[in-house]
């Protein structure tokens, strides 16, 4: 890494989770991710939150590889570019492509 090195604009996650096939089957890509630590989940395994290019979020259970689409398209006005959990794991701050910061509960009810 010298000073003139160019940082790639895209990265990849190598995982055995079925996220790539899920995105391909549903015609979207992922914008960002956040990991909810296992001590904040009911399964006691980390959960992977992935924002999608069609303004939604999916949650991947890392122990069972199940994928749940939260279908928050009606509440999110543009793709989520950045996500961060509150220290207690109950809230998720989402920064949208439309330059809006919104905070929602991790169960996406409020």
N, C-alpha and C. Protein backbone atom coordinates (compact mmCIF):
# COMPACT_ATOMS: atom_id res chain seq x y z
N UNK A 1 0.69 -1.17 0.00
CA UNK A 1 0.00 0.00 0.00
C UNK A 1 0.76 1.28 0.00
N UNK A 2 1.09 1.78 -1.17
CA UNK A 2 1.69 3.10 -1.26
C UNK A 2 0.64 4.18 -1.36
N UNK A 3 1.10 5.41 -1.41
CA UNK A 3 0.18 6.55 -1.46
C UNK A 3 -0.62 6.62 -2.75
N UNK A 4 -0.08 6.11 -3.83
CA UNK A 4 -0.76 6.18 -5.12
C UNK A 4 -1.71 5.04 -5.38
N UNK A 5 -1.84 4.12 -4.42
CA UNK A 5 -2.73 2.98 -4.62
C UNK A 5 -4.18 3.44 -4.71
N UNK A 6 -4.92 2.81 -5.61
CA UNK A 6 -6.33 3.11 -5.78
C UNK A 6 -7.14 2.10 -4.98
N UNK A 7 -8.07 2.59 -4.18
CA UNK A 7 -8.92 1.72 -3.38
C UNK A 7 -10.08 1.27 -4.26
N UNK A 8 -10.34 -0.04 -4.33
CA UNK A 8 -11.47 -0.51 -5.15
C UNK A 8 -12.79 0.01 -4.59
N UNK A 9 -13.74 0.26 -5.48
CA UNK A 9 -15.03 0.80 -5.05
C UNK A 9 -16.02 -0.30 -4.67
N UNK A 10 -15.70 -1.55 -4.93
CA UNK A 10 -16.58 -2.66 -4.59
C UNK A 10 -15.81 -3.73 -3.86
N UNK A 11 -16.47 -4.36 -2.91
CA UNK A 11 -15.88 -5.43 -2.14
C UNK A 11 -16.81 -6.63 -2.20
N UNK A 12 -16.30 -7.78 -1.84
CA UNK A 12 -17.11 -8.99 -1.84
C UNK A 12 -16.96 -9.70 -0.51
N UNK A 13 -18.01 -10.37 -0.10
CA UNK A 13 -17.98 -11.19 1.10
C UNK A 13 -18.02 -12.64 0.65
N UNK A 14 -17.05 -13.39 1.09
CA UNK A 14 -17.02 -14.81 0.77
C UNK A 14 -17.65 -15.55 1.94
N UNK A 15 -18.77 -16.20 1.69
CA UNK A 15 -19.53 -16.87 2.74
C UNK A 15 -20.30 -18.04 2.15
N UNK A 16 -20.64 -18.95 3.01
CA UNK A 16 -21.46 -20.09 2.56
C UNK A 16 -22.95 -19.77 2.62
N UNK A 17 -23.30 -18.57 3.09
CA UNK A 17 -24.71 -18.18 3.16
C UNK A 17 -25.27 -17.97 1.75
N UNK A 18 -26.54 -18.24 1.53
CA UNK A 18 -27.14 -18.17 0.19
C UNK A 18 -27.53 -16.76 -0.25
N UNK A 19 -26.80 -15.74 0.15
CA UNK A 19 -27.18 -14.36 -0.14
C UNK A 19 -27.06 -14.00 -1.62
N UNK A 20 -26.05 -14.50 -2.30
CA UNK A 20 -25.87 -14.16 -3.72
C UNK A 20 -27.01 -14.72 -4.57
N UNK A 21 -27.37 -15.97 -4.34
CA UNK A 21 -28.47 -16.55 -5.12
C UNK A 21 -29.80 -15.86 -4.79
N UNK A 22 -29.97 -15.47 -3.53
CA UNK A 22 -31.20 -14.76 -3.14
C UNK A 22 -31.31 -13.43 -3.89
N UNK A 23 -30.22 -12.68 -3.95
CA UNK A 23 -30.23 -11.40 -4.66
C UNK A 23 -30.49 -11.60 -6.14
N UNK A 24 -29.85 -12.59 -6.72
CA UNK A 24 -30.02 -12.87 -8.14
C UNK A 24 -31.46 -13.27 -8.46
N UNK A 25 -32.04 -14.11 -7.62
CA UNK A 25 -33.42 -14.56 -7.84
C UNK A 25 -34.44 -13.44 -7.68
N UNK A 26 -34.09 -12.41 -6.90
CA UNK A 26 -35.02 -11.31 -6.64
C UNK A 26 -34.65 -10.03 -7.38
N UNK A 27 -33.65 -10.10 -8.26
CA UNK A 27 -33.27 -8.99 -9.15
C UNK A 27 -32.84 -7.72 -8.40
N UNK A 28 -32.07 -7.88 -7.35
CA UNK A 28 -31.49 -6.71 -6.70
C UNK A 28 -30.07 -7.01 -6.26
N UNK A 29 -29.39 -5.96 -5.82
CA UNK A 29 -28.05 -6.11 -5.27
C UNK A 29 -28.07 -5.59 -3.84
N UNK A 30 -26.99 -5.82 -3.14
CA UNK A 30 -26.89 -5.36 -1.77
C UNK A 30 -26.09 -4.07 -1.72
N UNK A 31 -26.48 -3.17 -0.83
CA UNK A 31 -25.83 -1.87 -0.71
C UNK A 31 -24.88 -1.79 0.48
N UNK A 32 -25.27 -2.34 1.60
CA UNK A 32 -24.43 -2.32 2.79
C UNK A 32 -24.87 -3.43 3.73
N UNK A 33 -24.08 -3.66 4.75
CA UNK A 33 -24.43 -4.69 5.71
C UNK A 33 -24.09 -4.22 7.12
N UNK A 34 -24.74 -4.86 8.09
CA UNK A 34 -24.45 -4.68 9.50
C UNK A 34 -24.68 -6.02 10.18
N UNK A 35 -23.86 -6.31 11.17
CA UNK A 35 -23.98 -7.58 11.88
C UNK A 35 -24.48 -7.31 13.29
N UNK A 36 -25.62 -7.93 13.63
CA UNK A 36 -26.16 -7.84 14.98
C UNK A 36 -25.49 -8.95 15.79
N UNK A 37 -24.73 -8.59 16.83
CA UNK A 37 -24.01 -9.60 17.61
C UNK A 37 -24.94 -10.62 18.25
N UNK A 38 -24.43 -11.79 18.47
CA UNK A 38 -25.25 -12.90 18.96
C UNK A 38 -25.88 -12.64 20.32
N UNK A 39 -25.28 -11.82 21.16
CA UNK A 39 -25.89 -11.58 22.48
C UNK A 39 -27.13 -10.69 22.38
N UNK A 40 -27.44 -10.18 21.19
CA UNK A 40 -28.66 -9.39 20.98
C UNK A 40 -29.72 -10.15 20.17
N UNK A 41 -29.49 -11.42 19.86
CA UNK A 41 -30.44 -12.17 19.04
C UNK A 41 -31.08 -13.29 19.86
N UNK A 42 -32.28 -13.68 19.46
CA UNK A 42 -32.97 -14.77 20.17
C UNK A 42 -32.32 -16.12 19.88
N UNK A 43 -31.70 -16.27 18.71
CA UNK A 43 -31.07 -17.55 18.36
C UNK A 43 -29.69 -17.73 18.97
N UNK A 44 -29.14 -16.66 19.53
CA UNK A 44 -27.78 -16.63 20.09
C UNK A 44 -26.71 -16.88 19.03
N UNK A 45 -27.07 -16.55 17.78
CA UNK A 45 -26.12 -16.55 16.66
C UNK A 45 -26.19 -15.17 16.01
N UNK A 46 -25.09 -14.70 15.45
CA UNK A 46 -25.13 -13.39 14.79
C UNK A 46 -26.16 -13.37 13.66
N UNK A 47 -26.74 -12.20 13.44
CA UNK A 47 -27.65 -12.02 12.31
C UNK A 47 -27.06 -10.96 11.40
N UNK A 48 -27.12 -11.23 10.12
CA UNK A 48 -26.58 -10.34 9.10
C UNK A 48 -27.72 -9.54 8.49
N UNK A 49 -27.66 -8.21 8.61
CA UNK A 49 -28.65 -7.31 8.02
C UNK A 49 -28.05 -6.76 6.74
N UNK A 50 -28.72 -6.96 5.62
CA UNK A 50 -28.25 -6.48 4.32
C UNK A 50 -29.30 -5.55 3.72
N UNK A 51 -28.88 -4.34 3.35
CA UNK A 51 -29.82 -3.45 2.66
C UNK A 51 -29.79 -3.80 1.17
N UNK A 52 -30.93 -3.63 0.53
CA UNK A 52 -31.05 -4.00 -0.87
C UNK A 52 -31.23 -2.76 -1.75
N UNK A 53 -30.91 -2.92 -3.03
CA UNK A 53 -31.02 -1.82 -3.98
C UNK A 53 -32.46 -1.41 -4.24
N UNK A 54 -33.43 -2.23 -3.81
CA UNK A 54 -34.84 -1.87 -3.99
C UNK A 54 -35.47 -1.37 -2.69
N UNK A 55 -34.65 -0.78 -1.83
CA UNK A 55 -35.09 -0.08 -0.61
C UNK A 55 -35.63 -0.99 0.48
N UNK A 56 -35.10 -2.16 0.63
CA UNK A 56 -35.53 -3.04 1.69
C UNK A 56 -34.32 -3.52 2.47
N UNK A 57 -34.58 -4.38 3.44
CA UNK A 57 -33.54 -4.99 4.26
C UNK A 57 -33.88 -6.46 4.39
N UNK A 58 -32.87 -7.29 4.27
CA UNK A 58 -33.06 -8.71 4.57
C UNK A 58 -32.22 -9.05 5.79
N UNK A 59 -32.70 -10.03 6.54
CA UNK A 59 -31.95 -10.53 7.69
C UNK A 59 -31.59 -11.98 7.40
N UNK A 60 -30.32 -12.29 7.58
CA UNK A 60 -29.85 -13.66 7.36
C UNK A 60 -29.45 -14.23 8.72
N UNK A 61 -30.08 -15.34 9.10
CA UNK A 61 -29.70 -16.04 10.31
C UNK A 61 -28.47 -16.87 9.98
N UNK A 62 -27.37 -16.59 10.63
CA UNK A 62 -26.11 -17.24 10.27
C UNK A 62 -26.03 -18.70 10.70
N UNK A 63 -26.91 -19.14 11.61
CA UNK A 63 -26.86 -20.54 12.01
C UNK A 63 -27.71 -21.43 11.11
N UNK A 64 -28.84 -20.90 10.62
CA UNK A 64 -29.74 -21.71 9.81
C UNK A 64 -29.72 -21.32 8.33
N UNK A 65 -29.08 -20.20 8.00
CA UNK A 65 -29.00 -19.67 6.63
C UNK A 65 -30.37 -19.26 6.09
N UNK A 66 -31.34 -19.05 6.98
CA UNK A 66 -32.64 -18.58 6.53
C UNK A 66 -32.58 -17.08 6.27
N UNK A 67 -33.33 -16.65 5.27
CA UNK A 67 -33.35 -15.25 4.86
C UNK A 67 -34.78 -14.73 5.00
N UNK A 68 -34.92 -13.58 5.67
CA UNK A 68 -36.21 -12.94 5.85
C UNK A 68 -36.13 -11.55 5.23
N UNK A 69 -37.03 -11.26 4.31
CA UNK A 69 -37.12 -9.93 3.72
C UNK A 69 -38.09 -9.13 4.58
N UNK A 70 -37.60 -8.03 5.16
CA UNK A 70 -38.43 -7.21 6.04
C UNK A 70 -39.45 -6.38 5.27
N UNK A 71 -39.31 -6.32 3.97
CA UNK A 71 -40.24 -5.62 3.09
C UNK A 71 -40.61 -4.23 3.63
N UNK A 72 -39.60 -3.41 3.82
CA UNK A 72 -39.82 -2.05 4.33
C UNK A 72 -39.80 -1.03 3.20
N UNK A 73 -40.08 -1.47 1.98
CA UNK A 73 -40.03 -0.60 0.80
C UNK A 73 -40.99 0.59 0.89
N UNK A 74 -42.11 0.41 1.54
CA UNK A 74 -43.08 1.51 1.65
C UNK A 74 -42.64 2.57 2.66
N UNK A 75 -41.71 2.22 3.55
CA UNK A 75 -41.25 3.16 4.57
C UNK A 75 -39.87 3.74 4.29
N UNK A 76 -39.12 3.12 3.41
CA UNK A 76 -37.77 3.58 3.09
C UNK A 76 -37.81 4.19 1.69
N UNK A 77 -37.39 5.45 1.57
CA UNK A 77 -37.56 6.18 0.31
C UNK A 77 -36.44 5.96 -0.71
N UNK A 78 -35.31 5.45 -0.27
CA UNK A 78 -34.20 5.19 -1.19
C UNK A 78 -33.30 4.13 -0.56
N UNK A 79 -32.37 3.58 -1.32
CA UNK A 79 -31.50 2.54 -0.76
C UNK A 79 -30.73 3.02 0.47
N UNK A 80 -30.52 2.10 1.39
CA UNK A 80 -29.76 2.39 2.61
C UNK A 80 -28.28 2.23 2.27
N UNK A 81 -27.49 3.27 2.51
CA UNK A 81 -26.07 3.25 2.20
C UNK A 81 -25.20 2.84 3.38
N UNK A 82 -25.71 3.06 4.59
CA UNK A 82 -24.93 2.74 5.79
C UNK A 82 -25.89 2.38 6.91
N UNK A 83 -25.51 1.38 7.71
CA UNK A 83 -26.33 0.95 8.84
C UNK A 83 -25.43 0.76 10.05
N UNK A 84 -25.95 1.10 11.23
CA UNK A 84 -25.20 0.91 12.47
C UNK A 84 -26.17 0.64 13.61
N UNK A 85 -25.86 -0.38 14.41
CA UNK A 85 -26.71 -0.74 15.54
C UNK A 85 -26.40 0.11 16.76
N UNK A 86 -27.44 0.37 17.55
CA UNK A 86 -27.25 1.00 18.86
C UNK A 86 -26.50 0.01 19.75
N UNK A 87 -25.78 0.48 20.75
CA UNK A 87 -25.04 -0.44 21.62
C UNK A 87 -25.90 -1.52 22.26
N UNK A 88 -27.19 -1.23 22.52
CA UNK A 88 -28.06 -2.25 23.12
C UNK A 88 -28.67 -3.20 22.08
N UNK A 89 -28.42 -2.96 20.80
CA UNK A 89 -28.90 -3.84 19.73
C UNK A 89 -30.37 -3.68 19.40
N UNK A 90 -31.06 -2.74 20.02
CA UNK A 90 -32.51 -2.61 19.81
C UNK A 90 -32.87 -1.66 18.68
N UNK A 91 -31.93 -0.82 18.25
CA UNK A 91 -32.22 0.16 17.20
C UNK A 91 -31.14 0.11 16.13
N UNK A 92 -31.55 0.48 14.92
CA UNK A 92 -30.66 0.48 13.78
C UNK A 92 -30.74 1.85 13.10
N UNK A 93 -29.60 2.53 13.04
CA UNK A 93 -29.53 3.81 12.33
C UNK A 93 -29.25 3.52 10.87
N UNK A 94 -30.05 4.10 9.99
CA UNK A 94 -29.92 3.87 8.55
C UNK A 94 -29.74 5.20 7.84
N UNK A 95 -28.65 5.32 7.09
CA UNK A 95 -28.41 6.52 6.29
C UNK A 95 -28.77 6.19 4.85
N UNK A 96 -29.74 6.94 4.30
CA UNK A 96 -30.28 6.65 2.98
C UNK A 96 -29.55 7.41 1.88
N UNK A 97 -29.66 6.90 0.67
CA UNK A 97 -29.08 7.56 -0.50
C UNK A 97 -29.67 8.96 -0.69
N UNK A 98 -30.88 9.19 -0.21
CA UNK A 98 -31.52 10.50 -0.30
C UNK A 98 -31.06 11.45 0.80
N UNK A 99 -29.98 11.09 1.50
CA UNK A 99 -29.35 11.91 2.54
C UNK A 99 -30.22 12.07 3.79
N UNK A 100 -31.02 11.08 4.08
CA UNK A 100 -31.87 11.07 5.27
C UNK A 100 -31.33 10.02 6.23
N UNK A 101 -31.25 10.40 7.50
CA UNK A 101 -30.86 9.46 8.55
C UNK A 101 -32.12 9.09 9.31
N UNK A 102 -32.41 7.82 9.40
CA UNK A 102 -33.58 7.36 10.12
C UNK A 102 -33.16 6.28 11.10
N UNK A 103 -33.81 6.25 12.25
CA UNK A 103 -33.52 5.24 13.27
C UNK A 103 -34.79 4.42 13.46
N UNK A 104 -34.65 3.11 13.36
CA UNK A 104 -35.79 2.21 13.48
C UNK A 104 -35.43 1.08 14.43
N UNK A 105 -36.44 0.44 14.96
CA UNK A 105 -36.18 -0.71 15.85
C UNK A 105 -35.66 -1.87 14.99
N UNK A 106 -34.89 -2.74 15.60
CA UNK A 106 -34.30 -3.84 14.83
C UNK A 106 -35.34 -4.85 14.38
N UNK A 107 -36.54 -4.80 14.95
CA UNK A 107 -37.60 -5.67 14.43
C UNK A 107 -38.43 -4.96 13.37
N UNK A 108 -38.06 -3.70 13.05
CA UNK A 108 -38.65 -2.89 11.98
C UNK A 108 -40.14 -2.62 12.20
N UNK A 109 -40.60 -2.62 13.45
CA UNK A 109 -42.00 -2.30 13.73
C UNK A 109 -42.18 -0.82 14.01
N UNK A 110 -41.16 -0.16 14.57
CA UNK A 110 -41.27 1.28 14.86
C UNK A 110 -40.08 2.03 14.31
